[in-house]
């Protein structure tokens, strides 16, 4: 997800020097807000007609199970509880490890900067929709996790989709967790306090899995190729779990949330299913298309194509929409996207002017101008305008290829890059001989 860990290391060290001079509150405020501490920062809510609920689901407590954050249309709640954007301190540790910075220092900084933010959705709110919902399976980028794309996922849910944002267990997430069954020594400690809504059942113990960095001298492709195959399998597994829930199969959620999963019976239109992802998740969405024909199309956001085998390209038969940032892509990556061009199946590409690779995750909404641009979390375009263009183009493409009876076709021109803030195709210069 992040390509600028070195910049963050430098920024954190400079901040630490200021903090030691007893100006930490001022420094933190300026770090978050930029030049003005009055700026409004926060994750934008969905703009569609439906209120949005969210809940976490884990079926099978082991690392081989399915784990995702579900976003869905819900009943309007007067006093709705909003979930924390960062679920727990371990996710701060994971981000620190991924960026190769000190855990204890970065945890304090991350917690101050981001610890108070909430996701724009109601926790465990009752499901409610006037019609069957099309389904999106979402795959996060390298070093990310299930909650970091909440603006995008909440927008899709507000427009009537059910969205499962998978948290991958291939060691590409900065942090995730699963459970193991208690050992004999652990069973003897039953006197320890327990909470009724604890994440684990009483006979399970939480295990944290952190990001696996490349070892010295290790080649990247073999690791990433293995990971992208597992990631695609995890997306397919999430779809399988939703299919079971939709058909009325009783499920046991290891996480013991308050959400009533029986309300989702016969709620999903599983003939209208798409896969979507950012960066490594973009590559994952293409791999998933190759493996599972139930996915009718894919949205690849600033896709990082390196992990994919060339041999899968001719085997992908479904439509793909590449939505790229202006500053991330390079010729070799675009050429790999072009290998998926087809005279039979629609493959579209647009580039959003003024965007960077991090214009798609939520971080872009939560840092002020100065810090956001220093860390390449913001581009020149207003973050909300950038994500709005991406979302509208996505909805138009989904209507076209899932056969939806909505009004998303009002944004059809965006699919072809017809907007002053869009570039049809790519801004990257390609030599014809290379193509």
Protein backbone atom coordinates (compact mmCIF):
# COMPACT_ATOMS: atom_id res chain seq x y z
CA UNK A 1 0.00 0.00 0.00
CA UNK A 2 2.71 2.48 0.96
CA UNK A 3 5.69 3.11 -1.29
CA UNK A 4 7.29 5.82 0.84
CA UNK A 5 8.22 4.27 4.17
CA UNK A 6 11.57 6.11 4.14
CA UNK A 7 9.80 9.48 4.01
CA UNK A 8 7.66 8.49 6.96
CA UNK A 9 10.73 7.39 8.91
CA UNK A 10 12.27 10.84 8.40
CA UNK A 11 9.01 12.61 9.32
CA UNK A 12 8.59 10.55 12.50
CA UNK A 13 12.17 11.23 13.59
CA UNK A 14 11.75 14.96 13.06
CA UNK A 15 8.50 14.86 14.97
CA UNK A 16 10.17 12.96 17.82
CA UNK A 17 12.82 15.69 18.14
CA UNK A 18 10.06 18.28 18.49
CA UNK A 19 8.18 16.13 20.97
CA UNK A 20 11.24 15.91 23.22
CA UNK A 21 11.25 19.73 23.38
CA UNK A 22 7.82 19.59 25.08
CA UNK A 23 5.93 20.90 22.07
CA UNK A 24 4.28 17.58 21.28
CA UNK A 25 0.68 18.77 21.29
CA UNK A 26 1.42 21.60 18.89
CA UNK A 27 3.56 19.36 16.71
CA UNK A 28 0.95 16.63 16.57
CA UNK A 29 -1.75 19.12 15.63
CA UNK A 30 0.34 20.56 12.83
CA UNK A 31 1.40 17.09 11.71
CA UNK A 32 -2.23 16.07 11.31
CA UNK A 33 -3.73 19.31 10.02
CA UNK A 34 -0.96 20.91 8.00
CA UNK A 35 -0.81 24.69 8.31
CA UNK A 36 -4.27 25.09 9.86
CA UNK A 37 -5.67 23.30 12.88
CA UNK A 38 -9.22 24.29 11.91
CA UNK A 39 -9.38 22.08 8.82
CA UNK A 40 -12.10 19.44 8.86
CA UNK A 41 -10.73 15.94 8.47
CA UNK A 42 -12.73 12.73 8.41
CA UNK A 43 -13.89 9.84 6.26
CA UNK A 44 -16.74 10.96 3.99
CA UNK A 45 -20.04 9.07 4.36
CA UNK A 46 -21.81 7.33 1.52
CA UNK A 47 -23.89 9.53 -0.78
CA UNK A 48 -26.46 6.97 -1.85
CA UNK A 49 -30.07 6.55 -0.66
CA UNK A 50 -29.34 3.84 1.93
CA UNK A 51 -27.91 4.23 5.45
CA UNK A 52 -24.89 1.97 5.86
CA UNK A 53 -24.21 -0.70 8.46
CA UNK A 54 -21.11 -2.78 8.99
CA UNK A 55 -20.05 -5.87 10.89
CA UNK A 56 -17.12 -8.28 11.03
CA UNK A 57 -17.36 -11.92 10.04
CA UNK A 58 -14.96 -14.80 10.67
CA UNK A 59 -15.98 -18.34 9.79
CA UNK A 60 -13.47 -21.01 10.83
CA UNK A 61 -11.17 -19.63 13.51
CA UNK A 62 -7.96 -20.83 11.83
CA UNK A 63 -5.75 -18.91 9.40
CA UNK A 64 -7.43 -20.85 6.57
CA UNK A 65 -10.86 -19.43 7.43
CA UNK A 66 -12.69 -16.45 5.94
CA UNK A 67 -12.40 -13.01 7.54
CA UNK A 68 -14.01 -9.83 6.22
CA UNK A 69 -15.70 -6.56 7.15
CA UNK A 70 -19.21 -6.49 5.66
CA UNK A 71 -20.83 -3.21 4.55
CA UNK A 72 -24.54 -3.29 3.74
CA UNK A 73 -27.71 -1.17 3.45
CA UNK A 74 -29.32 -0.90 6.87
CA UNK A 75 -32.18 0.54 8.87
CA UNK A 76 -31.82 4.16 9.84
CA UNK A 77 -30.50 4.37 13.40
CA UNK A 78 -31.15 7.39 15.65
CA UNK A 79 -28.15 6.81 17.91
CA UNK A 80 -25.84 4.65 15.87
CA UNK A 81 -22.50 3.44 17.21
CA UNK A 82 -19.69 4.00 14.71
CA UNK A 83 -16.71 1.62 14.71
CA UNK A 84 -13.14 2.77 15.20
CA UNK A 85 -11.31 3.17 11.91
CA UNK A 86 -8.26 1.37 13.33
CA UNK A 87 -9.70 -1.68 15.16
CA UNK A 88 -6.99 -2.11 17.81
CA UNK A 89 -3.45 -1.12 18.76
CA UNK A 90 -2.01 -4.20 17.03
CA UNK A 91 -2.91 -2.62 13.69
CA UNK A 92 -0.77 0.40 14.58
CA UNK A 93 2.08 -2.03 15.33
CA UNK A 94 1.56 -3.67 11.96
CA UNK A 95 1.67 -0.36 10.11
CA UNK A 96 4.88 0.51 11.97
CA UNK A 97 6.47 -2.82 11.05
CA UNK A 98 5.43 -2.43 7.43
CA UNK A 99 6.97 1.03 7.27
CA UNK A 100 10.06 -0.13 9.21
CA UNK A 101 9.68 2.40 12.01
CA UNK A 102 9.78 2.07 15.81
CA UNK A 103 6.62 0.47 17.23
CA UNK A 104 6.34 2.31 20.53
CA UNK A 105 6.97 5.75 19.07
CA UNK A 106 4.81 5.27 15.98
CA UNK A 107 1.94 3.79 18.02
CA UNK A 108 1.72 7.02 20.04
CA UNK A 109 1.82 9.14 16.91
CA UNK A 110 -0.63 7.00 14.92
CA UNK A 111 -3.00 6.82 17.87
CA UNK A 112 -3.00 10.60 18.29
CA UNK A 113 -3.39 11.29 14.58
CA UNK A 114 -5.85 8.55 13.65
CA UNK A 115 -7.11 6.90 16.85
CA UNK A 116 -10.24 9.05 17.15
CA UNK A 117 -11.55 8.53 13.62
CA UNK A 118 -14.68 6.50 13.03
CA UNK A 119 -15.96 4.61 10.00
CA UNK A 120 -19.10 6.16 8.45
CA UNK A 121 -21.29 3.12 9.15
CA UNK A 122 -23.44 1.83 12.03
CA UNK A 123 -22.01 -1.17 13.90
CA UNK A 124 -24.21 -4.29 13.61
CA UNK A 125 -27.21 -2.24 12.46
CA UNK A 126 -30.16 -4.32 11.18
CA UNK A 127 -30.00 -5.07 7.46
CA UNK A 128 -32.65 -3.40 5.32
CA UNK A 129 -33.01 -3.14 1.57
CA UNK A 130 -35.98 -2.77 -0.75
CA UNK A 131 -34.49 -5.20 -3.25
CA UNK A 132 -31.90 -7.93 -3.62
CA UNK A 133 -28.40 -6.52 -3.37
CA UNK A 134 -25.60 -7.08 -5.89
CA UNK A 135 -22.35 -8.14 -4.24
CA UNK A 136 -18.79 -6.78 -4.32
CA UNK A 137 -15.78 -8.61 -2.86
CA UNK A 138 -13.04 -6.06 -2.06
CA UNK A 139 -9.30 -6.83 -1.77
CA UNK A 140 -6.95 -4.43 0.07
CA UNK A 141 -3.46 -3.36 -0.96
CA UNK A 142 -0.05 -4.43 0.33
CA UNK A 143 0.38 -3.49 3.98
CA UNK A 144 -3.28 -2.54 4.39
CA UNK A 145 -6.19 -4.34 6.09
CA UNK A 146 -9.97 -4.63 6.00
CA UNK A 147 -10.95 -1.19 7.34
CA UNK A 148 -8.68 1.15 5.35
CA UNK A 149 -11.01 1.56 2.35
CA UNK A 150 -14.15 2.39 4.29
CA UNK A 151 -15.06 5.51 2.29
CA UNK A 152 -15.21 3.51 -0.92
CA UNK A 153 -16.94 0.47 0.60
CA UNK A 154 -19.48 2.60 2.46
CA UNK A 155 -20.33 4.46 -0.76
CA UNK A 156 -21.01 1.20 -2.58
CA UNK A 157 -23.21 -0.01 0.31
CA UNK A 158 -25.12 3.29 0.33
CA UNK A 159 -25.92 2.63 -3.33
CA UNK A 160 -27.45 -0.76 -2.54
CA UNK A 161 -24.48 -3.16 -2.71
CA UNK A 162 -23.36 -5.68 -0.11
CA UNK A 163 -19.57 -5.35 0.13
CA UNK A 164 -17.22 -7.86 1.79
CA UNK A 165 -13.83 -6.25 2.45
CA UNK A 166 -11.50 -9.23 2.92
CA UNK A 167 -8.60 -9.14 5.37
CA UNK A 168 -5.96 -11.33 3.77
CA UNK A 169 -4.00 -13.99 5.66
CA UNK A 170 -1.12 -14.34 3.16
CA UNK A 171 1.17 -12.09 5.26
CA UNK A 172 0.58 -9.15 2.89
CA UNK A 173 -1.69 -7.32 5.36
CA UNK A 174 0.20 -5.18 7.84
CA UNK A 175 -1.77 -7.01 10.53
CA UNK A 176 -4.51 -9.59 10.85
CA UNK A 177 -5.49 -12.27 13.33
CA UNK A 178 -7.01 -15.70 13.74
CA UNK A 179 -7.41 -18.08 16.69
CA UNK A 180 -5.96 -21.30 17.99
CA UNK A 181 -7.57 -23.69 20.44
CA UNK A 182 -6.40 -23.40 24.00
CA UNK A 183 -3.56 -25.61 25.14
CA UNK A 184 -3.59 -27.39 28.51
CA UNK A 185 -1.62 -24.61 30.28
CA UNK A 186 -4.02 -22.02 28.89
CA UNK A 187 -7.04 -24.01 30.03
CA UNK A 188 -5.75 -23.85 33.61
CA UNK A 189 -6.02 -20.05 33.56
CA UNK A 190 -9.83 -20.00 33.40
CA UNK A 191 -9.92 -17.56 36.28
CA UNK A 192 -8.84 -14.76 33.93
CA UNK A 193 -11.67 -12.22 33.27
CA UNK A 194 -13.81 -12.72 30.15
CA UNK A 195 -16.14 -10.34 28.35
CA UNK A 196 -19.39 -11.43 26.73
CA UNK A 197 -18.57 -9.72 23.44
CA UNK A 198 -14.92 -10.77 23.33
CA UNK A 199 -13.64 -11.55 19.87
CA UNK A 200 -12.93 -15.18 20.62
CA UNK A 201 -15.05 -17.98 21.94
CA UNK A 202 -14.00 -19.09 25.41
CA UNK A 203 -11.90 -22.00 24.20
CA UNK A 204 -9.96 -19.95 21.63
CA UNK A 205 -6.88 -17.72 21.85
CA UNK A 206 -6.17 -14.86 19.44
CA UNK A 207 -3.04 -15.12 17.26
CA UNK A 208 -1.67 -12.04 15.49
CA UNK A 209 -0.16 -12.32 12.01
CA UNK A 210 2.04 -9.44 10.85
CA UNK A 211 3.38 -8.37 7.47
CA UNK A 212 6.15 -10.54 6.04
CA UNK A 213 8.91 -8.43 4.49
CA UNK A 214 11.17 -9.69 1.74
CA UNK A 215 14.30 -11.33 3.10
CA UNK A 216 17.74 -10.11 2.06
CA UNK A 217 18.43 -11.35 -1.45
CA UNK A 218 14.93 -12.78 -1.89
CA UNK A 219 13.27 -12.27 -5.28
CA UNK A 220 9.92 -10.51 -5.10
CA UNK A 221 7.96 -12.27 -7.83
CA UNK A 222 7.86 -15.80 -6.35
CA UNK A 223 6.55 -14.50 -3.01
CA UNK A 224 4.01 -12.09 -4.50
CA UNK A 225 2.81 -14.61 -7.06
CA UNK A 226 2.16 -17.15 -4.31
CA UNK A 227 0.39 -14.48 -2.28
CA UNK A 228 -1.83 -13.25 -5.13
CA UNK A 229 -3.06 -16.81 -5.70
CA UNK A 230 -3.94 -17.19 -2.00
CA UNK A 231 -5.58 -13.76 -1.98
CA UNK A 232 -7.78 -14.71 -4.94
CA UNK A 233 -8.75 -17.91 -3.14
CA UNK A 234 -9.69 -15.86 -0.07
CA UNK A 235 -11.91 -13.61 -2.20
CA UNK A 236 -13.62 -16.69 -3.64
CA UNK A 237 -14.01 -18.16 -0.14
CA UNK A 238 -15.69 -14.93 1.03
CA UNK A 239 -18.14 -15.21 -1.88
CA UNK A 240 -18.78 -18.85 -0.97
CA UNK A 241 -19.60 -17.86 2.63
CA UNK A 242 -21.99 -15.15 1.46
CA UNK A 243 -23.61 -17.67 -0.89
CA UNK A 244 -24.20 -20.02 2.04
CA UNK A 245 -25.62 -17.21 4.18
CA UNK A 246 -27.88 -16.13 1.31
CA UNK A 247 -29.23 -19.66 0.94
CA UNK A 248 -30.16 -19.81 4.63
CA UNK A 249 -27.35 -22.03 5.89
CA UNK A 250 -26.79 -21.40 9.60
CA UNK A 251 -23.38 -19.84 10.19
CA UNK A 252 -21.32 -19.43 13.33
CA UNK A 253 -19.41 -16.18 13.48
CA UNK A 254 -16.31 -16.68 15.63
CA UNK A 255 -16.36 -12.97 16.48
CA UNK A 256 -19.75 -13.11 18.23
CA UNK A 257 -21.10 -9.78 16.95
CA UNK A 258 -24.67 -8.64 17.58
CA UNK A 259 -25.56 -8.72 13.89
CA UNK A 260 -28.34 -11.14 12.93
CA UNK A 261 -26.98 -13.06 9.94
CA UNK A 262 -30.32 -14.77 9.28
CA UNK A 263 -31.65 -11.42 7.99
CA UNK A 264 -29.36 -11.80 4.96
CA UNK A 265 -31.15 -14.94 3.77
CA UNK A 266 -32.28 -14.43 0.17
CA UNK A 267 -31.02 -10.82 0.29
CA UNK A 268 -28.25 -11.03 -2.32
CA UNK A 269 -28.38 -11.11 -6.10
CA UNK A 270 -25.50 -13.50 -6.61
CA UNK A 271 -25.90 -13.42 -10.38
CA UNK A 272 -24.58 -9.86 -10.10
CA UNK A 273 -21.23 -10.19 -8.35
CA UNK A 274 -18.04 -8.19 -8.93
CA UNK A 275 -14.53 -8.20 -7.48
CA UNK A 276 -12.66 -5.00 -6.74
CA UNK A 277 -9.30 -4.07 -5.26
CA UNK A 278 -6.53 -1.50 -4.92
CA UNK A 279 -2.87 -1.98 -5.84
CA UNK A 280 -2.04 -5.59 -4.86
CA UNK A 281 -5.80 -5.94 -4.51
CA UNK A 282 -6.17 -4.84 -8.14
CA UNK A 283 -3.93 -7.71 -9.21
CA UNK A 284 -5.91 -9.97 -6.85
CA UNK A 285 -9.16 -9.01 -8.58
CA UNK A 286 -7.74 -10.07 -11.96
CA UNK A 287 -6.44 -13.36 -10.54
CA UNK A 288 -9.89 -13.94 -9.00
CA UNK A 289 -11.60 -13.38 -12.38
CA UNK A 290 -9.39 -16.07 -13.85
CA UNK A 291 -10.25 -18.52 -11.06
CA UNK A 292 -13.97 -17.85 -10.59
CA UNK A 293 -16.50 -17.19 -13.37
CA UNK A 294 -19.12 -16.12 -10.80
CA UNK A 295 -17.31 -12.77 -10.76
CA UNK A 296 -18.89 -10.97 -13.71
CA UNK A 297 -16.39 -8.11 -13.86
CA UNK A 298 -13.53 -6.46 -11.96
CA UNK A 299 -12.59 -2.92 -10.90
CA UNK A 300 -8.79 -2.64 -10.57
CA UNK A 301 -7.77 0.54 -8.74
CA UNK A 302 -4.20 1.57 -9.54
CA UNK A 303 -3.39 -2.10 -9.98
CA UNK A 304 0.12 -3.38 -9.21
CA UNK A 305 0.52 -5.98 -11.94
CA UNK A 306 3.89 -7.44 -10.85
CA UNK A 307 2.48 -10.48 -8.95
CA UNK A 308 0.56 -11.89 -11.94
CA UNK A 309 1.69 -14.68 -14.29
CA UNK A 310 1.57 -13.67 -17.96
CA UNK A 311 -0.15 -16.96 -18.70
CA UNK A 312 -3.37 -15.95 -16.96
CA UNK A 313 -4.05 -12.93 -19.18
CA UNK A 314 -5.62 -14.81 -22.12
CA UNK A 315 -7.70 -16.87 -19.67
CA UNK A 316 -9.53 -13.86 -18.20
CA UNK A 317 -12.86 -13.61 -20.03
CA UNK A 318 -14.74 -10.97 -18.00
CA UNK A 319 -14.75 -7.15 -18.36
CA UNK A 320 -12.13 -5.15 -16.42
CA UNK A 321 -12.04 -1.46 -15.56
CA UNK A 322 -8.60 -0.01 -14.69
CA UNK A 323 -8.88 3.24 -12.71
CA UNK A 324 -5.37 4.63 -12.29
CA UNK A 325 -3.73 7.49 -10.42
CA UNK A 326 -1.63 9.99 -12.31
CA UNK A 327 1.56 9.58 -10.26
CA UNK A 328 1.94 5.85 -9.55
CA UNK A 329 1.94 4.06 -12.89
CA UNK A 330 4.95 3.30 -15.09
CA UNK A 331 5.38 1.90 -18.60
CA UNK A 332 6.07 -1.71 -17.62
CA UNK A 333 2.97 -1.88 -15.43
CA UNK A 334 0.71 -0.29 -18.07
CA UNK A 335 2.05 -2.67 -20.72
CA UNK A 336 0.95 -5.60 -18.54
CA UNK A 337 -2.52 -4.05 -18.28
CA UNK A 338 -2.55 -3.68 -22.07
CA UNK A 339 -1.92 -7.42 -22.40
CA UNK A 340 -5.49 -7.82 -21.17
CA UNK A 341 -6.91 -5.75 -24.06
CA UNK A 342 -9.60 -7.62 -25.96
CA UNK A 343 -11.63 -7.07 -29.11
CA UNK A 344 -14.43 -9.18 -27.62
CA UNK A 345 -14.66 -8.24 -23.92
CA UNK A 346 -14.69 -4.64 -22.69
CA UNK A 347 -11.47 -3.55 -21.01
CA UNK A 348 -11.44 0.12 -20.08
CA UNK A 349 -8.81 2.39 -18.53
CA UNK A 350 -8.92 5.92 -17.16
CA UNK A 351 -6.49 8.03 -15.13
CA UNK A 352 -7.60 10.58 -12.52
CA UNK A 353 -5.62 13.80 -12.80
CA UNK A 354 -3.83 15.05 -9.70
CA UNK A 355 -4.03 11.74 -7.84
CA UNK A 356 -1.39 9.58 -6.18
CA UNK A 357 -1.41 5.90 -5.26
CA UNK A 358 -2.82 6.68 -1.81
CA UNK A 359 -5.78 8.66 -3.19
CA UNK A 360 -7.89 5.48 -2.89
CA UNK A 361 -7.45 4.41 0.81
CA UNK A 362 -8.90 6.49 3.65
CA UNK A 363 -5.57 8.00 4.75
CA UNK A 364 -5.99 10.68 2.07
CA UNK A 365 -8.96 12.15 4.01
CA UNK A 366 -7.24 12.12 7.40
CA UNK A 367 -4.08 14.16 6.91
CA UNK A 368 -3.74 17.87 6.22
CA UNK A 369 -2.26 19.31 3.07
CA UNK A 370 1.37 19.60 4.15
CA UNK A 371 1.76 16.19 5.77
CA UNK A 372 -0.48 14.48 3.23
CA UNK A 373 1.64 15.66 0.33
CA UNK A 374 4.95 15.03 2.13
CA UNK A 375 3.97 11.38 2.66
CA UNK A 376 2.29 11.11 -0.75
CA UNK A 377 -1.07 10.41 0.87
CA UNK A 378 -2.62 13.29 -1.07
CA UNK A 379 -2.29 14.52 -4.62
CA UNK A 380 -3.12 17.89 -6.12
CA UNK A 381 -6.82 17.08 -6.56
CA UNK A 382 -9.26 17.47 -3.68
CA UNK A 383 -9.45 13.97 -2.11
CA UNK A 384 -13.24 13.90 -2.06
CA UNK A 385 -13.45 14.91 -5.72
CA UNK A 386 -10.93 12.22 -6.65
CA UNK A 387 -12.77 9.44 -4.81
CA UNK A 388 -16.11 10.72 -6.12
CA UNK A 389 -14.92 10.37 -9.72
CA UNK A 390 -13.62 6.88 -9.00
CA UNK A 391 -16.86 5.82 -7.31
CA UNK A 392 -19.15 7.21 -10.01
CA UNK A 393 -17.13 5.64 -12.81
CA UNK A 394 -17.16 2.34 -10.88
CA UNK A 395 -20.95 2.45 -10.44
CA UNK A 396 -21.49 3.18 -14.13
CA UNK A 397 -19.25 0.26 -15.12
CA UNK A 398 -20.98 -2.08 -12.66
CA UNK A 399 -24.41 -1.12 -14.00
CA UNK A 400 -23.26 -1.83 -17.54
CA UNK A 401 -21.75 -5.24 -16.80
CA UNK A 402 -23.96 -6.51 -13.99
CA UNK A 403 -27.16 -5.49 -15.77
CA UNK A 404 -28.37 -3.25 -12.94
CA UNK A 405 -31.59 -1.27 -13.24
CA UNK A 406 -30.28 1.89 -11.63
CA UNK A 407 -29.46 5.41 -12.77
CA UNK A 408 -25.69 4.90 -12.58
CA UNK A 409 -25.54 5.14 -16.39
CA UNK A 410 -25.72 8.94 -15.95
CA UNK A 411 -21.98 8.61 -15.29
CA UNK A 412 -21.23 6.54 -18.41
CA UNK A 413 -19.03 9.32 -19.90
CA UNK A 414 -16.60 8.85 -17.01
CA UNK A 415 -15.88 5.30 -18.18
CA UNK A 416 -14.38 6.84 -21.31
CA UNK A 417 -12.51 9.55 -19.39
CA UNK A 418 -14.86 12.35 -20.40
CA UNK A 419 -14.27 14.84 -17.61
CA UNK A 420 -11.79 17.67 -17.12
CA UNK A 421 -10.21 15.73 -14.24
CA UNK A 422 -9.84 12.47 -16.17
CA UNK A 423 -7.45 11.19 -18.82
CA UNK A 424 -8.81 8.54 -21.22
CA UNK A 425 -6.42 5.59 -20.94
CA UNK A 426 -3.08 6.55 -19.39
CA UNK A 427 -0.77 9.53 -18.97
CA UNK A 428 2.23 7.17 -19.26
CA UNK A 429 4.09 7.38 -22.56
CA UNK A 430 4.41 3.94 -24.14
CA UNK A 431 6.70 3.03 -27.03
CA UNK A 432 4.73 1.20 -29.70
CA UNK A 433 7.54 -1.34 -30.01
CA UNK A 434 7.23 -2.16 -26.30
CA UNK A 435 3.48 -2.73 -26.62
